[in-house]
N, C-alpha and C. Protein backbone atom coordinates (compact mmCIF):
# COMPACT_ATOMS: atom_id res chain seq x y z
N UNK A 1 58.70 80.36 114.80
CA UNK A 1 59.42 80.82 113.79
C UNK A 1 60.15 79.44 113.01
N UNK A 2 60.44 78.41 113.90
CA UNK A 2 61.43 77.40 113.58
C UNK A 2 60.56 76.04 113.86
N UNK A 3 59.43 75.73 113.31
CA UNK A 3 58.62 74.45 113.38
C UNK A 3 59.71 73.26 113.27
N UNK A 4 59.09 72.28 114.21
CA UNK A 4 59.88 71.12 114.22
C UNK A 4 60.11 70.45 115.38
N UNK A 5 60.75 69.27 115.51
CA UNK A 5 60.96 68.59 116.86
C UNK A 5 61.82 69.39 117.56
N UNK A 6 61.67 69.63 119.11
CA UNK A 6 62.61 70.03 120.01
C UNK A 6 62.60 68.93 121.16
N UNK A 7 64.03 69.01 121.79
CA UNK A 7 64.18 68.33 122.92
C UNK A 7 64.52 69.01 124.30
N UNK A 8 63.58 68.71 125.36
CA UNK A 8 63.51 69.87 126.27
C UNK A 8 64.04 69.00 127.52
N UNK A 9 64.82 69.48 128.49
CA UNK A 9 64.95 68.71 129.80
C UNK A 9 63.66 68.52 130.61
N UNK A 10 63.68 67.74 131.26
CA UNK A 10 62.41 67.45 132.27
C UNK A 10 61.71 68.63 132.82
N UNK A 11 62.81 69.43 133.58
CA UNK A 11 62.60 70.70 134.39
C UNK A 11 61.99 71.66 133.18
N UNK A 12 62.43 71.62 131.98
CA UNK A 12 61.89 72.84 131.37
C UNK A 12 60.58 72.43 130.13
N UNK A 13 59.99 71.20 130.60
CA UNK A 13 59.09 70.76 129.72
C UNK A 13 57.81 71.16 129.85
N UNK A 14 57.60 72.56 129.63
CA UNK A 14 56.34 73.28 129.52
C UNK A 14 56.16 73.97 128.36
N UNK A 15 54.98 74.44 127.79
CA UNK A 15 54.80 75.20 126.79
C UNK A 15 55.43 76.19 126.48
N UNK A 16 55.72 77.19 127.32
CA UNK A 16 56.41 78.60 126.81
C UNK A 16 57.97 78.13 126.46
N UNK A 17 58.43 77.23 127.42
CA UNK A 17 59.81 76.76 126.97
C UNK A 17 59.84 76.34 125.61
N UNK A 18 59.17 75.36 125.49
CA UNK A 18 58.92 74.65 124.15
C UNK A 18 58.86 75.59 123.04
N UNK A 19 58.11 76.54 123.25
CA UNK A 19 57.80 77.44 122.08
C UNK A 19 59.18 78.46 121.99
N UNK A 20 59.62 78.72 123.09
CA UNK A 20 61.07 79.56 123.01
C UNK A 20 62.26 78.63 122.37
N UNK A 21 62.21 77.20 122.61
CA UNK A 21 63.15 76.44 122.00
C UNK A 21 62.94 76.47 120.34
N UNK A 22 61.72 76.52 119.85
CA UNK A 22 61.40 76.72 118.64
C UNK A 22 61.34 78.12 117.97
N UNK A 23 62.07 79.04 118.39
CA UNK A 23 62.49 80.62 117.75
C UNK A 23 61.19 81.43 118.32
N UNK A 24 60.38 81.01 119.23
CA UNK A 24 59.39 82.02 119.56
C UNK A 24 58.13 82.02 118.45
N UNK A 25 57.08 82.49 118.96
CA UNK A 25 55.83 82.66 118.02
C UNK A 25 56.13 83.47 116.66
N UNK A 26 55.30 83.15 115.76
CA UNK A 26 55.25 84.00 114.62
C UNK A 26 54.47 85.22 114.92
N UNK A 27 54.82 86.42 114.12
CA UNK A 27 54.13 87.47 114.42
C UNK A 27 52.76 87.19 113.96
N UNK A 28 51.75 87.88 114.90
CA UNK A 28 50.42 87.57 114.63
C UNK A 28 49.69 86.28 115.10
N UNK A 29 50.68 85.51 115.92
CA UNK A 29 50.10 84.35 116.76
C UNK A 29 49.34 84.66 117.69
N UNK A 30 48.21 83.91 117.92
CA UNK A 30 46.95 84.40 119.04
C UNK A 30 47.47 83.52 120.21
N UNK A 31 48.13 84.16 121.14
CA UNK A 31 48.51 83.51 122.32
C UNK A 31 47.44 83.04 123.00
N UNK A 32 46.29 83.49 122.92
CA UNK A 32 45.13 83.23 123.86
C UNK A 32 44.55 81.96 123.28
N UNK A 33 44.96 81.52 121.88
CA UNK A 33 44.51 80.08 121.41
C UNK A 33 45.64 79.23 121.48
N UNK A 34 46.78 79.19 122.30
CA UNK A 34 47.77 78.25 122.26
C UNK A 34 47.44 77.02 122.97
N UNK A 35 47.84 76.05 122.30
CA UNK A 35 47.28 74.62 122.52
C UNK A 35 48.59 73.58 122.60
N UNK A 36 48.08 72.44 123.33
CA UNK A 36 48.86 71.39 123.43
C UNK A 36 47.94 70.05 122.94
N UNK A 37 48.57 69.41 121.74
CA UNK A 37 47.81 68.41 120.94
C UNK A 37 48.54 67.20 121.55
N UNK A 38 47.79 66.25 122.20
CA UNK A 38 48.34 64.95 122.53
C UNK A 38 47.72 63.54 122.19
N UNK A 39 48.36 63.01 121.70
CA UNK A 39 47.97 61.51 121.36
C UNK A 39 46.75 60.95 122.45
N UNK A 40 45.56 60.74 121.99
CA UNK A 40 44.61 60.23 122.98
C UNK A 40 44.52 58.59 123.17
N UNK A 41 45.21 58.13 124.12
CA UNK A 41 45.45 56.50 124.08
C UNK A 41 44.23 56.08 124.86
N UNK A 42 43.25 56.85 125.36
CA UNK A 42 42.17 56.27 126.14
C UNK A 42 41.19 56.07 125.26
N UNK A 43 40.98 56.48 124.21
CA UNK A 43 39.83 55.86 123.37
C UNK A 43 40.32 55.14 122.28
N UNK A 44 39.32 54.28 121.59
CA UNK A 44 39.59 53.33 120.57
C UNK A 44 39.63 54.15 119.37
N UNK A 45 40.36 53.78 118.08
CA UNK A 45 40.54 54.59 117.00
C UNK A 45 39.34 54.88 116.19
N UNK A 46 38.21 54.01 116.56
CA UNK A 46 36.83 54.09 115.77
C UNK A 46 35.78 54.86 116.69
N UNK A 47 36.21 55.79 117.65
CA UNK A 47 35.57 56.53 118.49
C UNK A 47 34.40 57.15 117.55
N UNK A 48 33.02 57.10 117.70
CA UNK A 48 32.12 57.72 116.95
C UNK A 48 31.71 59.36 117.28
N UNK A 49 32.40 59.76 118.10
CA UNK A 49 32.25 61.01 118.42
C UNK A 49 33.60 61.77 118.96
N UNK A 50 33.47 63.14 119.13
CA UNK A 50 34.60 63.81 119.52
C UNK A 50 34.39 64.75 120.48
N UNK A 51 35.49 65.29 121.30
CA UNK A 51 35.10 66.26 122.46
C UNK A 51 34.87 67.66 121.79
N UNK A 52 34.05 68.67 122.37
CA UNK A 52 34.09 69.98 121.88
C UNK A 52 35.36 70.61 121.96
N UNK A 53 36.48 70.37 122.80
CA UNK A 53 37.72 70.81 122.85
C UNK A 53 38.37 70.25 121.52
N UNK A 54 38.49 69.02 121.40
CA UNK A 54 38.88 68.78 119.82
C UNK A 54 38.41 69.38 118.72
N UNK A 55 37.19 69.53 118.45
CA UNK A 55 36.55 70.00 117.55
C UNK A 55 37.16 71.59 117.44
N UNK A 56 37.04 72.30 118.41
CA UNK A 56 37.39 73.64 118.78
C UNK A 56 38.88 74.13 118.33
N UNK A 57 39.79 73.07 118.48
CA UNK A 57 41.16 73.17 118.06
C UNK A 57 41.43 72.98 116.46
N UNK A 58 40.61 72.00 116.15
CA UNK A 58 40.56 71.84 114.73
C UNK A 58 40.02 72.94 113.71
N UNK A 59 39.03 73.72 114.38
CA UNK A 59 38.62 74.85 113.68
C UNK A 59 39.50 76.00 113.84
N UNK A 60 40.10 76.32 114.85
CA UNK A 60 41.31 77.22 115.02
C UNK A 60 42.36 76.98 113.98
N UNK A 61 42.76 75.76 113.93
CA UNK A 61 43.89 75.52 113.02
C UNK A 61 43.53 75.58 111.51
N UNK A 62 42.39 75.14 111.27
CA UNK A 62 41.66 75.23 109.79
C UNK A 62 41.79 76.65 109.32
N UNK A 63 41.59 77.52 110.29
CA UNK A 63 41.29 78.99 109.83
C UNK A 63 42.61 79.69 109.95
N UNK A 64 43.83 78.96 109.89
CA UNK A 64 45.19 79.74 110.15
C UNK A 64 45.69 79.04 108.60
N UNK A 65 45.89 80.27 107.86
CA UNK A 65 46.38 79.80 106.61
C UNK A 65 48.11 79.41 106.48
N UNK A 66 48.62 79.80 107.53
CA UNK A 66 50.11 79.23 107.73
C UNK A 66 50.11 77.85 108.23
N UNK A 67 49.15 77.14 108.49
CA UNK A 67 48.95 75.85 108.88
C UNK A 67 48.44 74.75 108.00
N UNK A 68 48.56 75.02 106.69
CA UNK A 68 47.87 74.57 105.52
C UNK A 68 48.52 73.13 105.70
N UNK A 69 49.89 72.87 105.95
CA UNK A 69 50.63 71.80 105.96
C UNK A 69 50.34 70.70 107.04
N UNK A 70 49.44 71.04 107.90
CA UNK A 70 49.42 70.18 109.22
C UNK A 70 47.83 69.58 109.09
N UNK A 71 47.36 69.23 107.87
CA UNK A 71 46.24 68.61 107.72
C UNK A 71 45.97 67.12 108.43
N UNK A 72 47.20 66.65 108.42
CA UNK A 72 47.16 65.24 109.44
C UNK A 72 46.65 65.77 110.84
N UNK A 73 47.32 66.61 111.44
CA UNK A 73 46.86 66.81 112.76
C UNK A 73 45.30 67.26 112.86
N UNK A 74 44.88 68.03 112.04
CA UNK A 74 43.49 68.40 111.99
C UNK A 74 42.62 67.03 111.98
N UNK A 75 42.99 66.39 110.92
CA UNK A 75 42.20 65.13 110.57
C UNK A 75 42.61 64.17 111.97
N UNK A 76 43.64 64.13 112.57
CA UNK A 76 43.59 63.10 113.86
C UNK A 76 42.64 63.99 115.05
N UNK A 77 42.51 65.23 115.13
CA UNK A 77 41.65 65.62 116.07
C UNK A 77 40.26 65.33 115.73
N UNK A 78 39.73 65.49 114.49
CA UNK A 78 38.53 65.04 114.02
C UNK A 78 38.17 63.85 113.99
N UNK A 79 39.06 62.86 113.98
CA UNK A 79 38.84 61.17 114.16
C UNK A 79 39.03 61.07 115.49
N UNK A 80 39.38 62.10 116.65
CA UNK A 80 39.10 61.47 117.95
C UNK A 80 40.44 60.91 118.52
N UNK A 81 41.74 61.03 117.64
CA UNK A 81 42.92 60.20 117.80
C UNK A 81 43.72 61.18 118.84
N UNK A 82 43.50 62.45 118.64
CA UNK A 82 44.29 63.50 119.37
C UNK A 82 43.40 64.61 120.12
N UNK A 83 43.89 64.65 121.39
CA UNK A 83 43.06 65.67 122.06
C UNK A 83 43.61 66.81 122.32
N UNK A 84 43.06 68.08 122.73
CA UNK A 84 43.58 69.40 123.07
C UNK A 84 43.90 69.41 124.49
N UNK A 85 45.08 69.76 125.02
CA UNK A 85 45.10 69.90 126.40
C UNK A 85 45.69 71.26 126.60
N UNK A 86 44.90 71.87 127.81
CA UNK A 86 45.29 73.23 127.98
C UNK A 86 46.70 73.69 128.14
N UNK A 87 47.24 74.76 127.49
CA UNK A 87 48.61 74.98 127.59
C UNK A 87 48.92 75.90 129.01
N UNK A 88 47.80 76.46 129.68
CA UNK A 88 48.08 77.07 130.92
C UNK A 88 46.90 76.56 131.77
N UNK A 89 47.64 76.07 133.21
CA UNK A 89 46.58 75.65 134.07
C UNK A 89 46.04 76.58 135.09
N UNK A 90 45.12 77.43 134.54
CA UNK A 90 44.54 78.59 135.32
C UNK A 90 43.18 78.83 134.63
N UNK A 91 42.40 79.34 135.43
CA UNK A 91 40.95 79.78 134.73
C UNK A 91 41.06 80.75 134.02
N UNK A 92 40.01 80.93 132.88
CA UNK A 92 40.18 82.32 132.10
C UNK A 92 39.98 83.48 132.99
N UNK A 93 40.51 84.61 132.69
CA UNK A 93 40.35 85.78 133.36
C UNK A 93 41.20 86.05 134.52
N UNK A 94 41.98 85.04 135.10
CA UNK A 94 42.76 85.17 136.20
C UNK A 94 43.98 86.20 135.93
N UNK A 95 44.27 86.91 136.84
CA UNK A 95 45.50 87.91 136.55
C UNK A 95 46.74 87.16 136.53
N UNK A 96 47.81 87.63 135.61
CA UNK A 96 48.88 86.96 135.40
C UNK A 96 49.61 86.51 136.50
N UNK A 97 49.79 87.59 137.74
CA UNK A 97 50.22 87.29 138.86
C UNK A 97 49.64 86.04 139.88
N UNK A 98 48.70 85.57 139.43
CA UNK A 98 48.03 84.32 139.92
C UNK A 98 48.22 83.50 139.06
N UNK A 99 48.96 83.38 138.03
CA UNK A 99 49.04 82.33 137.12
C UNK A 99 49.85 81.08 137.54
N UNK A 100 49.24 79.93 137.36
CA UNK A 100 50.00 78.53 137.85
C UNK A 100 51.00 78.53 136.92
N UNK A 101 51.90 77.28 137.08
CA UNK A 101 52.83 77.03 135.87
C UNK A 101 52.26 76.43 134.70
N UNK A 102 52.86 76.59 133.66
CA UNK A 102 52.54 76.04 132.21
C UNK A 102 52.24 74.46 132.70
N UNK A 103 51.41 74.00 131.74
CA UNK A 103 51.11 72.50 131.60
C UNK A 103 52.38 71.80 131.23
N UNK A 104 52.61 70.81 132.15
CA UNK A 104 53.67 69.94 131.70
C UNK A 104 53.60 69.19 130.42
N UNK A 105 54.53 68.98 129.60
CA UNK A 105 54.70 68.53 128.18
C UNK A 105 54.87 66.93 128.60
N UNK A 106 54.69 66.14 127.63
CA UNK A 106 54.83 64.66 127.52
C UNK A 106 55.57 64.45 126.02
N UNK A 107 56.40 63.45 126.00
CA UNK A 107 57.11 63.29 124.79
C UNK A 107 55.64 62.98 123.71
N UNK A 108 56.07 63.51 122.59
CA UNK A 108 55.21 63.48 121.46
C UNK A 108 54.03 64.39 121.15
N UNK A 109 53.92 65.23 122.43
CA UNK A 109 53.00 66.48 122.24
C UNK A 109 53.44 67.46 120.91
N UNK A 110 52.36 67.95 120.52
CA UNK A 110 52.43 69.01 119.48
C UNK A 110 52.04 70.32 120.12
N UNK A 111 52.93 71.29 119.90
CA UNK A 111 52.59 72.67 120.37
C UNK A 111 52.03 73.45 119.23
N UNK A 112 50.98 74.17 119.45
CA UNK A 112 50.41 74.96 118.44
C UNK A 112 50.00 76.12 118.80
N UNK A 113 50.20 77.42 117.88
CA UNK A 113 49.98 78.94 118.27
C UNK A 113 49.50 79.16 116.90
N UNK A 114 48.16 78.84 116.94
CA UNK A 114 47.35 79.44 115.58
C UNK A 114 47.54 81.13 115.61
N UNK A 115 47.21 81.70 114.26
CA UNK A 115 46.98 82.94 114.23
C UNK A 115 45.52 83.50 114.63
N UNK A 116 45.32 84.42 115.08
CA UNK A 116 43.95 85.31 115.49
C UNK A 116 42.80 84.88 114.53
N UNK A 117 41.94 84.26 114.88
CA UNK A 117 40.93 83.75 114.21
C UNK A 117 40.01 85.06 114.09
N UNK A 118 39.19 85.41 113.01
CA UNK A 118 38.35 86.32 112.99
C UNK A 118 36.65 85.72 112.98
N UNK A 119 36.69 84.63 113.54
CA UNK A 119 35.44 83.97 113.50
C UNK A 119 35.02 83.64 115.00
N UNK A 120 33.38 83.05 115.13
CA UNK A 120 33.12 82.36 116.28
C UNK A 120 32.29 81.41 115.85
N UNK A 121 32.30 80.23 116.35
CA UNK A 121 31.93 78.73 115.90
C UNK A 121 30.84 78.61 116.88
N UNK A 122 29.60 78.05 116.11
CA UNK A 122 28.54 77.69 116.92
C UNK A 122 28.31 76.05 116.32
N UNK A 123 28.35 75.32 117.24
CA UNK A 123 28.05 73.65 117.17
C UNK A 123 26.56 73.55 117.22
N UNK A 124 26.07 73.26 116.04
CA UNK A 124 24.65 73.03 115.92
C UNK A 124 24.04 71.67 116.65
N UNK A 125 22.97 71.37 116.63
CA UNK A 125 22.37 70.09 117.36
C UNK A 125 22.77 68.81 116.68
N UNK A 126 23.03 68.79 115.44
CA UNK A 126 23.54 67.78 114.64
C UNK A 126 25.15 67.47 114.79
N UNK A 127 25.83 68.40 115.43
CA UNK A 127 27.16 68.20 115.76
C UNK A 127 28.14 69.15 114.57
N UNK A 128 27.42 69.69 113.59
CA UNK A 128 28.07 70.49 112.53
C UNK A 128 28.53 71.85 113.20
N UNK A 129 29.59 72.32 112.91
CA UNK A 129 29.96 73.69 113.52
C UNK A 129 30.03 74.72 112.42
N UNK A 130 29.15 75.82 112.78
CA UNK A 130 28.94 76.97 111.82
C UNK A 130 29.77 78.05 112.25
N UNK A 131 30.62 78.62 111.13
CA UNK A 131 31.66 79.64 111.39
C UNK A 131 30.95 81.12 111.22
N UNK A 132 30.88 81.82 112.20
CA UNK A 132 30.20 83.11 112.01
C UNK A 132 31.37 84.23 112.09
N UNK A 133 31.17 85.38 111.24
CA UNK A 133 32.33 86.37 111.49
C UNK A 133 32.20 87.02 112.84
N UNK A 134 33.34 87.08 113.43
CA UNK A 134 33.25 87.93 114.76
C UNK A 134 32.89 89.44 114.49
N UNK A 135 32.14 89.75 115.61
CA UNK A 135 31.78 91.03 115.73
C UNK A 135 31.84 91.65 117.08
N UNK A 136 32.90 92.65 117.05
CA UNK A 136 33.30 93.02 118.56
C UNK A 136 32.16 93.12 119.63
N UNK A 137 31.10 93.62 119.07
CA UNK A 137 30.23 93.85 120.38
C UNK A 137 29.16 92.81 120.49
N UNK A 138 29.01 91.69 119.74
CA UNK A 138 28.31 90.78 119.93
C UNK A 138 28.61 89.77 121.26
N UNK A 139 27.51 89.50 121.86
CA UNK A 139 27.42 88.60 122.89
C UNK A 139 26.89 87.21 122.64
N UNK A 140 26.95 86.32 123.45
CA UNK A 140 26.51 84.93 123.25
C UNK A 140 24.86 84.87 122.63
N UNK A 141 24.23 85.57 123.10
CA UNK A 141 22.76 85.91 122.65
C UNK A 141 22.78 86.02 121.13
N UNK A 142 23.43 87.16 120.98
CA UNK A 142 23.54 87.55 119.37
C UNK A 142 23.96 86.44 118.32
N UNK A 143 25.13 85.74 119.04
CA UNK A 143 25.52 84.52 117.74
C UNK A 143 24.26 83.60 117.75
N UNK A 144 23.77 83.13 118.90
CA UNK A 144 22.66 82.08 118.67
C UNK A 144 21.59 82.60 118.07
N UNK A 145 21.32 83.81 118.29
CA UNK A 145 20.05 84.58 117.52
C UNK A 145 20.47 84.53 115.84
N UNK A 146 21.50 84.45 115.74
CA UNK A 146 22.01 84.58 114.19
C UNK A 146 21.66 83.29 113.53
N UNK A 147 21.47 82.16 114.05
CA UNK A 147 21.22 81.02 113.45
C UNK A 147 19.79 80.62 113.72
N UNK A 148 19.17 79.67 112.66
CA UNK A 148 17.72 79.05 112.87
C UNK A 148 17.66 78.29 114.20
N UNK A 149 16.69 78.72 114.97
CA UNK A 149 16.32 78.11 116.29
C UNK A 149 16.47 76.38 116.13
N UNK A 150 15.70 76.06 114.96
CA UNK A 150 15.63 74.58 114.86
C UNK A 150 16.86 73.85 114.81
N UNK A 151 18.01 74.53 114.27
CA UNK A 151 19.10 73.90 114.41
C UNK A 151 20.02 73.95 115.21
N UNK A 152 19.88 74.60 116.47
CA UNK A 152 20.46 74.60 117.61
C UNK A 152 19.84 73.47 118.56
N UNK A 153 20.78 73.14 119.60
CA UNK A 153 20.31 72.62 120.73
C UNK A 153 19.67 73.53 121.88
N UNK A 154 18.98 73.15 122.78
CA UNK A 154 18.49 74.11 123.68
C UNK A 154 19.58 75.06 124.27
N UNK A 155 19.13 76.46 124.17
CA UNK A 155 20.25 77.46 124.52
C UNK A 155 20.63 77.32 125.89
N UNK A 156 20.08 76.59 127.07
CA UNK A 156 20.35 76.32 128.19
C UNK A 156 21.50 75.18 128.32
N UNK A 157 21.61 74.57 127.15
CA UNK A 157 22.71 73.56 127.09
C UNK A 157 24.08 73.97 126.64
N UNK A 158 24.14 75.20 126.15
CA UNK A 158 25.32 75.66 125.51
C UNK A 158 26.35 75.88 126.59
N UNK A 159 27.67 75.89 126.27
CA UNK A 159 28.96 76.14 126.97
C UNK A 159 29.71 77.35 126.11
N UNK A 160 30.37 78.09 126.64
CA UNK A 160 31.27 79.24 125.87
C UNK A 160 32.59 78.41 125.83
N UNK A 161 33.26 78.15 124.98
CA UNK A 161 34.68 77.68 124.98
C UNK A 161 35.51 78.96 124.52
N UNK A 162 36.12 79.40 125.22
CA UNK A 162 37.27 80.52 125.03
C UNK A 162 38.38 79.93 123.87
N UNK A 163 39.11 80.94 123.34
CA UNK A 163 40.18 80.27 122.56
C UNK A 163 41.15 79.57 123.14
N UNK A 164 41.39 79.75 124.52
CA UNK A 164 42.41 78.97 125.06
C UNK A 164 41.97 77.85 125.73
N UNK A 165 40.75 77.27 125.36
CA UNK A 165 40.35 75.97 125.64
C UNK A 165 39.51 75.79 127.08
N UNK A 166 39.50 76.87 127.74
CA UNK A 166 38.79 76.86 128.95
C UNK A 166 37.20 77.20 128.55
N UNK A 167 36.22 76.43 129.37
CA UNK A 167 34.92 76.67 129.21
C UNK A 167 34.15 77.23 130.33
N UNK A 168 32.86 77.97 129.85
CA UNK A 168 32.34 78.64 130.95
C UNK A 168 30.78 78.45 130.73
N UNK A 169 30.08 78.63 131.85
CA UNK A 169 28.84 78.68 131.93
C UNK A 169 28.17 79.91 131.10
N UNK A 170 26.87 79.71 130.42
CA UNK A 170 26.58 80.90 129.79
C UNK A 170 25.74 81.56 130.81
N UNK A 171 25.56 83.06 130.84
CA UNK A 171 24.52 83.62 131.58
C UNK A 171 23.44 84.65 130.41
N UNK A 172 22.41 83.92 130.13
CA UNK A 172 21.70 84.34 128.99
C UNK A 172 20.49 85.19 129.64
N UNK A 173 20.48 85.26 130.84
CA UNK A 173 19.34 85.99 131.31
C UNK A 173 19.97 87.26 132.06
N UNK A 174 19.26 88.29 131.76
CA UNK A 174 19.71 89.72 132.21
C UNK A 174 20.00 89.81 133.75
N UNK A 175 19.01 89.20 134.22
CA UNK A 175 19.16 89.29 135.86
C UNK A 175 20.32 88.55 136.43
N UNK A 176 20.86 87.56 135.49
CA UNK A 176 22.02 86.73 135.99
C UNK A 176 23.41 87.75 135.99
N UNK A 177 23.65 88.36 135.00
CA UNK A 177 24.50 89.26 134.97
C UNK A 177 24.66 89.91 133.35
N UNK A 178 25.66 90.88 133.60
CA UNK A 178 25.88 91.88 132.12
C UNK A 178 26.11 90.89 131.16
N UNK A 179 25.80 90.59 130.08
CA UNK A 179 26.52 89.66 129.06
C UNK A 179 27.60 90.50 128.52
N UNK A 180 28.59 89.59 128.26
CA UNK A 180 29.92 90.47 127.72
C UNK A 180 30.26 89.96 126.50
N UNK A 181 30.80 90.60 125.70
CA UNK A 181 31.21 90.46 124.20
C UNK A 181 32.17 89.15 124.33
N UNK A 182 31.66 88.23 123.24
CA UNK A 182 32.57 86.96 122.96
C UNK A 182 33.96 87.24 122.25
N UNK A 183 35.05 86.58 122.65
CA UNK A 183 36.23 86.99 121.99
C UNK A 183 36.42 86.22 120.67
N UNK A 184 36.99 86.68 119.76
CA UNK A 184 37.27 86.03 118.41
C UNK A 184 37.89 84.78 118.71
N UNK A 185 37.53 83.71 117.97
CA UNK A 185 38.20 82.39 117.99
C UNK A 185 37.30 81.61 119.08
N UNK A 186 36.33 82.09 119.72
CA UNK A 186 35.68 81.32 120.74
C UNK A 186 34.76 80.42 119.93
N UNK A 187 34.13 79.32 120.71
CA UNK A 187 33.32 78.44 120.26
C UNK A 187 32.01 78.33 121.39
N UNK A 188 30.79 78.01 120.80
CA UNK A 188 29.56 77.94 121.48
C UNK A 188 29.34 76.42 121.20
N UNK A 189 29.35 75.45 122.13
CA UNK A 189 28.89 74.04 121.82
C UNK A 189 28.01 73.54 122.90
N UNK A 190 27.12 72.53 122.55
CA UNK A 190 26.04 71.86 123.86
C UNK A 190 27.18 71.12 124.74
N UNK A 191 26.80 71.05 125.92
CA UNK A 191 27.46 70.48 126.89
C UNK A 191 27.58 69.03 126.94
N UNK A 192 27.54 68.23 125.56
CA UNK A 192 27.54 66.82 125.56
C UNK A 192 29.15 66.64 125.83
N UNK A 193 29.13 65.36 126.43
CA UNK A 193 30.54 64.84 126.68
C UNK A 193 31.11 64.59 125.35
N UNK A 194 30.59 64.30 124.31
CA UNK A 194 31.16 64.21 123.04
C UNK A 194 30.19 64.55 121.91
N UNK A 195 30.85 64.96 120.74
CA UNK A 195 29.84 65.46 119.78
C UNK A 195 29.67 64.42 118.68
N UNK A 196 28.60 64.31 118.05
CA UNK A 196 28.80 63.19 116.73
C UNK A 196 29.58 63.73 115.84
N UNK A 197 30.35 62.75 115.00
CA UNK A 197 31.12 63.30 113.97
C UNK A 197 30.36 63.61 112.80
N UNK A 198 30.45 64.82 112.17
CA UNK A 198 29.38 64.89 111.06
C UNK A 198 30.08 64.01 109.80
N UNK A 199 29.22 63.60 109.04
CA UNK A 199 29.51 62.97 107.62
C UNK A 199 30.12 63.89 106.64
């Protein structure tokens, strides 16, 4: 509600407390896509590739019309200068009662709560991300089938990145488990350590 800098005591330096200090989330904010963006000092400025997590964060921010003034953050993500850090230190799907503490914040972190995306992103073999409309009943297989096979990496190389940044192995075979629908704002990306930056 009130974007801008916030000062937190060390004991309160976690995501939810930071959001609270900034007036809470806007109506329509997608809590499942909450993210912490942190300057990546471990990599040189000329890094020729980026993490799937950084690409995913950039896609979610791009799709939110209320974040049009945050182009510098999106550009920093796509240049590899900023990385997404998980806002909650717990695996996807765990019950709230099992939830660990929120991730600790560091000085200079940016907190982002984008709106609910109506897309699912599929990263092609060349590193480009294709945005497909979210369909409530579609599974991983449906999204991969919607794109030309020659543009995809091997299906067995893909991971499903949930909107909260957690990644999960795919179960494409019926004998493995019953496929489940993909949440809006998710991304399917090859399991590369980093992706080539598209021109």
